[in-house]
N, C-alpha and C. Protein backbone atom coordinates (compact mmCIF):
# COMPACT_ATOMS: atom_id res chain seq x y z
N MET A 1 11.15 223.49 15.66
CA MET A 1 12.00 223.68 14.53
C MET A 1 11.48 222.76 13.36
N LYS A 2 11.57 223.42 12.19
CA LYS A 2 11.23 222.65 11.06
C LYS A 2 12.24 221.79 10.45
N ARG A 3 11.81 220.91 9.56
CA ARG A 3 12.88 219.98 8.98
C ARG A 3 14.00 220.69 8.20
N ARG A 4 13.69 221.93 7.63
CA ARG A 4 14.58 222.71 6.85
C ARG A 4 15.65 223.35 7.75
N ASP A 5 15.21 223.61 9.01
CA ASP A 5 16.22 224.18 10.03
C ASP A 5 17.16 223.23 10.44
N TRP A 6 16.70 221.96 10.56
CA TRP A 6 17.66 220.92 11.03
C TRP A 6 18.69 220.62 9.90
N LEU A 7 18.18 220.70 8.71
CA LEU A 7 19.05 220.46 7.49
C LEU A 7 20.11 221.57 7.42
N ILE A 8 19.81 222.70 7.76
CA ILE A 8 20.77 223.85 7.66
C ILE A 8 21.78 223.68 8.83
N ILE A 9 21.28 223.27 10.03
CA ILE A 9 22.19 223.10 10.99
C ILE A 9 23.20 221.98 10.76
N LEU A 10 22.66 220.88 10.21
CA LEU A 10 23.51 219.75 9.75
C LEU A 10 24.71 220.10 8.85
N VAL A 11 24.16 220.88 7.78
CA VAL A 11 25.13 221.31 6.75
C VAL A 11 26.31 222.18 7.36
N VAL A 12 25.94 223.17 8.27
CA VAL A 12 26.80 223.92 8.88
C VAL A 12 27.80 223.20 9.70
N LEU A 13 27.32 222.04 10.49
CA LEU A 13 28.17 221.23 11.25
C LEU A 13 29.14 220.48 10.51
N ILE A 14 28.70 219.92 9.39
CA ILE A 14 29.52 219.08 8.41
C ILE A 14 30.67 220.03 7.89
N ALA A 15 30.23 221.21 7.48
CA ALA A 15 31.21 222.16 6.81
C ALA A 15 32.24 222.52 7.88
N SER A 16 31.77 222.82 9.17
CA SER A 16 32.71 223.10 10.26
C SER A 16 33.79 221.99 10.40
N LEU A 17 33.20 220.71 10.47
CA LEU A 17 34.07 219.67 10.76
C LEU A 17 34.93 219.50 9.62
N ALA A 18 34.62 219.75 8.38
CA ALA A 18 35.46 219.55 7.14
C ALA A 18 36.60 220.69 7.19
N LEU A 19 36.25 221.86 7.54
CA LEU A 19 37.30 223.04 7.68
C LEU A 19 38.21 222.61 8.74
N TYR A 20 37.80 222.02 9.85
CA TYR A 20 38.71 221.82 11.02
C TYR A 20 39.64 220.71 10.76
N LEU A 21 39.19 219.64 9.97
CA LEU A 21 40.08 218.48 9.65
C LEU A 21 41.09 218.84 8.45
N LEU A 22 40.79 219.93 7.80
CA LEU A 22 41.60 220.28 6.50
C LEU A 22 42.45 221.50 6.84
N ARG A 23 42.48 221.91 8.11
CA ARG A 23 43.18 223.04 8.31
C ARG A 23 44.65 222.83 8.26
N PRO A 24 45.60 223.74 7.84
CA PRO A 24 46.96 223.57 7.78
C PRO A 24 47.64 223.22 9.18
N LYS A 25 48.45 222.24 9.29
CA LYS A 25 49.21 221.89 10.52
C LYS A 25 50.22 222.92 10.80
N ALA A 26 50.54 223.04 12.19
CA ALA A 26 51.45 223.97 12.62
C ALA A 26 52.85 223.50 12.22
N ASP A 27 53.74 224.48 11.89
CA ASP A 27 55.11 224.18 11.53
C ASP A 27 55.90 223.59 12.76
N THR A 28 56.39 222.34 12.70
CA THR A 28 56.97 221.72 13.76
C THR A 28 58.30 222.37 14.23
N ALA A 29 58.99 223.08 13.27
CA ALA A 29 60.16 223.81 13.65
C ALA A 29 59.83 225.02 14.44
N ALA A 30 58.68 225.58 14.08
CA ALA A 30 58.38 226.76 14.91
C ALA A 30 57.83 226.47 16.22
N THR A 31 57.29 225.31 16.49
CA THR A 31 56.81 224.92 17.87
C THR A 31 57.74 224.19 18.66
N ALA A 32 58.94 223.86 18.30
CA ALA A 32 59.89 223.22 19.03
C ALA A 32 60.29 223.95 20.22
N GLN A 33 60.43 223.30 21.31
CA GLN A 33 61.01 223.87 22.51
C GLN A 33 62.60 223.75 22.62
N ALA A 34 63.12 222.72 21.95
CA ALA A 34 64.45 222.49 22.00
C ALA A 34 65.13 222.06 20.63
N TYR A 35 66.32 222.31 20.57
CA TYR A 35 66.90 221.85 19.22
C TYR A 35 68.23 221.27 19.48
N LEU A 36 68.76 220.52 18.40
CA LEU A 36 70.03 219.75 18.49
C LEU A 36 70.99 220.66 17.58
N ARG A 37 72.15 221.04 18.18
CA ARG A 37 73.22 221.67 17.43
C ARG A 37 74.37 220.70 17.23
N ILE A 38 74.68 220.42 16.06
CA ILE A 38 75.83 219.44 15.81
C ILE A 38 77.02 220.21 15.29
N SER A 39 78.26 219.89 15.96
CA SER A 39 79.30 220.44 15.50
C SER A 39 80.41 219.34 15.11
N ALA A 40 80.90 219.30 13.99
CA ALA A 40 81.91 218.42 13.60
C ALA A 40 82.92 218.97 12.72
N PRO A 41 84.12 218.52 12.55
CA PRO A 41 85.15 219.24 11.79
C PRO A 41 84.80 219.30 10.35
N ASP A 42 84.98 220.60 9.75
CA ASP A 42 84.74 220.83 8.35
C ASP A 42 83.35 220.46 7.84
N GLN A 43 82.27 220.48 8.82
CA GLN A 43 80.91 220.26 8.48
C GLN A 43 79.97 221.30 9.13
N GLN A 44 79.01 221.68 8.38
CA GLN A 44 77.92 222.59 8.93
C GLN A 44 76.62 221.90 8.94
N PHE A 45 75.92 221.97 10.07
CA PHE A 45 74.50 221.43 10.27
C PHE A 45 73.47 222.41 10.54
N ASP A 46 72.31 222.38 10.13
CA ASP A 46 71.29 223.22 10.62
C ASP A 46 70.81 222.72 11.88
N LEU A 47 70.27 223.54 12.69
CA LEU A 47 69.66 223.27 13.89
C LEU A 47 68.52 222.25 13.66
N VAL A 48 68.49 221.08 14.50
CA VAL A 48 67.52 220.10 14.24
C VAL A 48 66.42 220.29 15.34
N PRO A 49 65.22 220.42 15.08
CA PRO A 49 64.19 220.54 15.99
C PRO A 49 63.94 219.11 16.64
N LEU A 50 63.73 219.18 17.91
CA LEU A 50 63.69 217.91 18.69
C LEU A 50 62.11 217.61 18.89
N THR A 51 61.49 217.33 17.65
CA THR A 51 60.05 217.08 17.60
C THR A 51 59.72 215.68 17.13
N ASP A 52 60.48 215.29 16.09
CA ASP A 52 60.20 213.95 15.49
C ASP A 52 61.34 213.04 15.56
N ALA A 53 61.11 211.71 15.49
CA ALA A 53 62.09 210.77 15.60
C ALA A 53 62.85 210.66 14.28
N GLN A 54 64.26 210.69 14.38
CA GLN A 54 64.89 210.56 13.21
C GLN A 54 66.36 210.08 13.55
N ASP A 55 67.12 209.44 12.64
CA ASP A 55 68.48 209.25 12.85
C ASP A 55 69.34 210.05 11.84
N ILE A 56 70.44 210.70 12.29
CA ILE A 56 71.23 211.59 11.60
C ILE A 56 72.69 210.96 11.72
N THR A 57 73.19 210.71 10.40
CA THR A 57 74.57 210.10 10.19
C THR A 57 75.53 211.14 9.98
N ILE A 58 76.53 211.26 10.79
CA ILE A 58 77.62 212.24 10.49
C ILE A 58 78.93 211.37 10.04
N THR A 59 79.09 211.47 8.74
CA THR A 59 80.25 210.91 8.09
C THR A 59 81.35 211.84 7.77
N GLN A 60 82.67 211.49 8.26
CA GLN A 60 83.64 212.56 8.04
C GLN A 60 84.72 211.88 6.98
N ALA A 61 85.57 212.75 6.41
CA ALA A 61 86.45 212.30 5.35
C ALA A 61 87.42 211.19 5.86
N ASP A 62 87.70 211.24 7.09
CA ASP A 62 88.71 210.11 7.54
C ASP A 62 88.07 208.77 7.95
N GLY A 63 86.77 208.83 7.63
CA GLY A 63 86.08 207.53 7.88
C GLY A 63 85.40 207.36 9.08
N SER A 64 85.48 208.47 9.90
CA SER A 64 84.71 208.51 11.21
C SER A 64 83.23 208.59 10.97
N VAL A 65 82.45 207.81 11.61
CA VAL A 65 80.94 207.68 11.41
C VAL A 65 80.34 207.66 12.94
N ASN A 66 79.38 208.67 12.99
CA ASN A 66 78.53 208.73 14.23
C ASN A 66 77.07 208.78 13.76
N VAL A 67 76.27 208.17 14.53
CA VAL A 67 74.83 208.13 14.20
C VAL A 67 74.09 208.65 15.40
N VAL A 68 73.38 209.67 15.24
CA VAL A 68 72.68 210.46 16.31
C VAL A 68 71.18 209.88 16.19
N GLU A 69 70.54 209.58 17.31
CA GLU A 69 69.22 209.37 17.42
C GLU A 69 68.45 210.41 17.94
N VAL A 70 67.53 211.08 17.14
CA VAL A 70 66.80 212.19 17.61
C VAL A 70 65.31 211.67 18.07
N PHE A 71 64.79 211.98 19.13
CA PHE A 71 63.37 211.67 19.45
C PHE A 71 62.79 212.93 20.07
N ALA A 72 61.47 212.83 20.23
CA ALA A 72 60.71 214.04 20.65
C ALA A 72 61.26 214.45 21.99
N GLY A 73 61.84 215.56 22.18
CA GLY A 73 62.36 216.24 23.32
C GLY A 73 63.80 215.91 23.70
N GLY A 74 64.48 215.06 22.78
CA GLY A 74 65.88 214.78 23.19
C GLY A 74 66.61 213.95 22.10
N PHE A 75 67.80 213.63 22.46
CA PHE A 75 68.73 212.86 21.53
C PHE A 75 69.62 212.00 22.27
N ARG A 76 70.40 211.15 21.62
CA ARG A 76 71.43 210.28 22.16
C ARG A 76 72.41 210.03 21.09
N MET A 77 73.56 209.62 21.28
CA MET A 77 74.46 209.15 20.33
C MET A 77 74.18 207.55 20.12
N LYS A 78 73.66 207.08 19.06
CA LYS A 78 73.26 205.81 18.81
C LYS A 78 74.38 204.80 18.48
N GLU A 79 75.21 205.37 17.51
CA GLU A 79 76.35 204.45 17.07
C GLU A 79 77.60 205.33 16.77
N ALA A 80 78.77 204.73 16.93
CA ALA A 80 79.99 205.48 16.64
C ALA A 80 81.07 204.42 16.34
N ASN A 81 81.95 204.58 15.42
CA ASN A 81 82.99 203.74 15.19
C ASN A 81 84.25 203.99 15.71
N CYS A 82 84.28 204.82 16.94
CA CYS A 82 85.43 205.15 17.64
C CYS A 82 85.68 203.93 18.53
N THR A 83 86.85 203.89 19.13
CA THR A 83 87.30 202.68 19.95
C THR A 83 86.67 202.61 21.40
N ASN A 84 86.53 203.76 21.99
CA ASN A 84 86.18 203.72 23.38
C ASN A 84 84.57 203.74 23.67
N GLN A 85 83.86 204.24 22.74
CA GLN A 85 82.26 204.30 22.85
C GLN A 85 81.91 205.09 23.96
N ASP A 86 82.65 205.92 24.49
CA ASP A 86 82.22 206.83 25.62
C ASP A 86 80.96 207.68 25.24
N CYS A 87 80.89 208.14 24.06
CA CYS A 87 79.77 209.05 23.50
C CYS A 87 78.52 208.30 23.64
N ILE A 88 78.57 206.95 23.48
CA ILE A 88 77.36 206.24 23.60
C ILE A 88 76.91 206.07 24.98
N LYS A 89 77.88 205.88 25.88
CA LYS A 89 77.65 205.57 27.17
C LYS A 89 76.99 206.89 27.93
N GLN A 90 77.17 208.09 27.25
CA GLN A 90 76.68 209.28 27.84
C GLN A 90 75.22 209.31 27.91
N GLY A 91 74.50 208.48 27.23
CA GLY A 91 72.96 208.47 27.40
C GLY A 91 72.24 209.48 26.66
N ASP A 92 70.97 209.64 27.14
CA ASP A 92 70.11 210.61 26.48
C ASP A 92 70.26 212.00 27.13
N VAL A 93 69.98 212.93 26.31
CA VAL A 93 69.98 214.41 26.73
C VAL A 93 68.53 214.95 26.32
N THR A 94 67.87 215.43 27.43
CA THR A 94 66.58 215.99 27.36
C THR A 94 66.55 217.25 28.22
N LEU A 95 65.49 218.03 27.93
CA LEU A 95 65.31 219.24 28.89
C LEU A 95 65.23 218.82 30.34
N ALA A 96 64.56 217.79 30.54
CA ALA A 96 64.23 217.31 31.95
C ALA A 96 65.48 216.79 32.62
N ASN A 97 66.50 216.26 31.94
CA ASN A 97 67.59 215.66 32.62
C ASN A 97 68.92 216.41 32.43
N MET A 98 68.92 217.42 31.69
CA MET A 98 70.21 218.09 31.41
C MET A 98 70.85 218.67 32.60
N ALA A 99 70.09 219.10 33.68
CA ALA A 99 70.52 219.64 34.86
C ALA A 99 71.31 218.62 35.76
N ASP A 100 71.05 217.38 35.49
CA ASP A 100 71.55 216.28 36.39
C ASP A 100 72.73 215.50 35.76
N ARG A 101 72.98 215.82 34.39
CA ARG A 101 73.88 215.11 33.64
C ARG A 101 75.32 215.57 33.98
N PRO A 102 76.38 214.90 33.99
CA PRO A 102 77.73 215.44 34.18
C PRO A 102 78.15 216.39 33.13
N LEU A 103 77.78 216.08 31.94
CA LEU A 103 78.04 217.03 30.75
C LEU A 103 76.87 217.96 30.40
N ALA A 104 75.96 218.14 31.26
CA ALA A 104 74.74 219.02 31.17
C ALA A 104 74.04 218.71 29.83
N ASN A 105 74.14 219.60 28.87
CA ASN A 105 73.32 219.58 27.59
C ASN A 105 74.12 219.08 26.38
N GLU A 106 75.41 218.35 26.60
CA GLU A 106 76.01 217.85 25.55
C GLU A 106 76.44 216.43 25.59
N VAL A 107 76.65 215.85 24.32
CA VAL A 107 77.35 214.57 24.23
C VAL A 107 78.48 214.82 23.26
N ILE A 108 79.70 214.33 23.81
CA ILE A 108 80.89 214.66 23.15
C ILE A 108 81.57 213.30 22.65
N CYS A 109 82.02 213.32 21.42
CA CYS A 109 82.82 212.10 20.92
C CYS A 109 84.21 212.71 20.68
N LEU A 110 85.10 212.59 21.68
CA LEU A 110 86.44 213.17 21.57
C LEU A 110 87.26 212.54 20.35
N PRO A 111 87.32 211.31 20.04
CA PRO A 111 88.12 210.75 18.98
C PRO A 111 87.70 211.32 17.64
N HIS A 112 86.32 211.62 17.55
CA HIS A 112 85.79 212.09 16.20
C HIS A 112 85.71 213.57 16.19
N ARG A 113 85.90 214.25 17.45
CA ARG A 113 85.63 215.62 17.50
C ARG A 113 84.35 216.13 17.20
N VAL A 114 83.29 215.38 17.61
CA VAL A 114 81.88 215.62 17.31
C VAL A 114 81.24 216.01 18.62
N VAL A 115 80.52 217.14 18.66
CA VAL A 115 79.85 217.75 19.75
C VAL A 115 78.33 217.80 19.50
N LEU A 116 77.46 217.20 20.33
CA LEU A 116 76.02 217.36 20.19
C LEU A 116 75.60 218.19 21.32
N GLU A 117 74.85 219.17 21.00
CA GLU A 117 74.41 220.21 22.11
C GLU A 117 72.84 220.47 22.09
N LEU A 118 72.17 220.36 23.20
CA LEU A 118 70.75 220.66 23.28
C LEU A 118 70.74 222.16 23.55
N VAL A 119 70.00 222.86 22.75
CA VAL A 119 69.79 224.30 23.02
C VAL A 119 68.22 224.57 22.99
N THR A 120 67.86 225.51 23.78
CA THR A 120 66.53 225.83 23.97
C THR A 120 66.20 226.95 22.93
N ALA A 121 64.94 227.26 22.62
CA ALA A 121 64.54 228.21 21.67
C ALA A 121 65.04 229.50 22.11
N GLU A 122 65.17 229.86 23.32
CA GLU A 122 65.68 231.04 23.98
C GLU A 122 67.22 231.08 23.73
N ASP A 123 67.85 229.98 23.73
CA ASP A 123 69.32 230.02 23.72
C ASP A 123 69.84 230.12 22.28
N GLN A 124 68.99 229.94 21.30
CA GLN A 124 69.50 230.00 19.93
C GLN A 124 70.16 231.35 19.62
N THR A 125 71.40 231.25 19.00
CA THR A 125 72.05 232.43 18.75
C THR A 125 72.49 232.21 17.14
N VAL A 126 72.57 233.26 16.48
CA VAL A 126 73.21 233.30 15.12
C VAL A 126 74.59 233.39 15.23
N GLU A 127 75.31 232.33 14.69
CA GLU A 127 76.72 232.32 14.82
C GLU A 127 77.26 233.15 13.55
N ILE A 128 78.10 234.19 13.70
CA ILE A 128 78.66 234.88 12.57
C ILE A 128 80.05 234.56 12.47
N THR A 129 80.48 233.95 11.29
CA THR A 129 81.92 233.50 11.07
C THR A 129 82.39 234.49 10.12
N PRO A 130 83.71 235.10 10.33
CA PRO A 130 84.27 236.04 9.42
C PRO A 130 84.76 235.36 8.20
């Protein structure tokens, strides 16, 4: 092979590498296997994909505050200003452990009437309210 052939091969390899590194990333919401559904009085929340770490604060008009910690593949109630703290003691909810948990795929804060539910991509349903 001549020097010009090697130069062409090198240029093609560099261009291929550049295109690979600059390709658009996949949408994380579209690739999520599980989602968090939050239910709280007089509030509406979008489904949260369980792909990235984040904290979600739920503040209600009566001063009730819950903080949900979302991590890749699951969630937990991180903080609550209720008196009994049972929701925090319920622990992590993941796809791997929800069959073994007493409340399966949910964490419930009864004093604040907040329900956190793990739903899979197949379980997603569109709720229609009249």
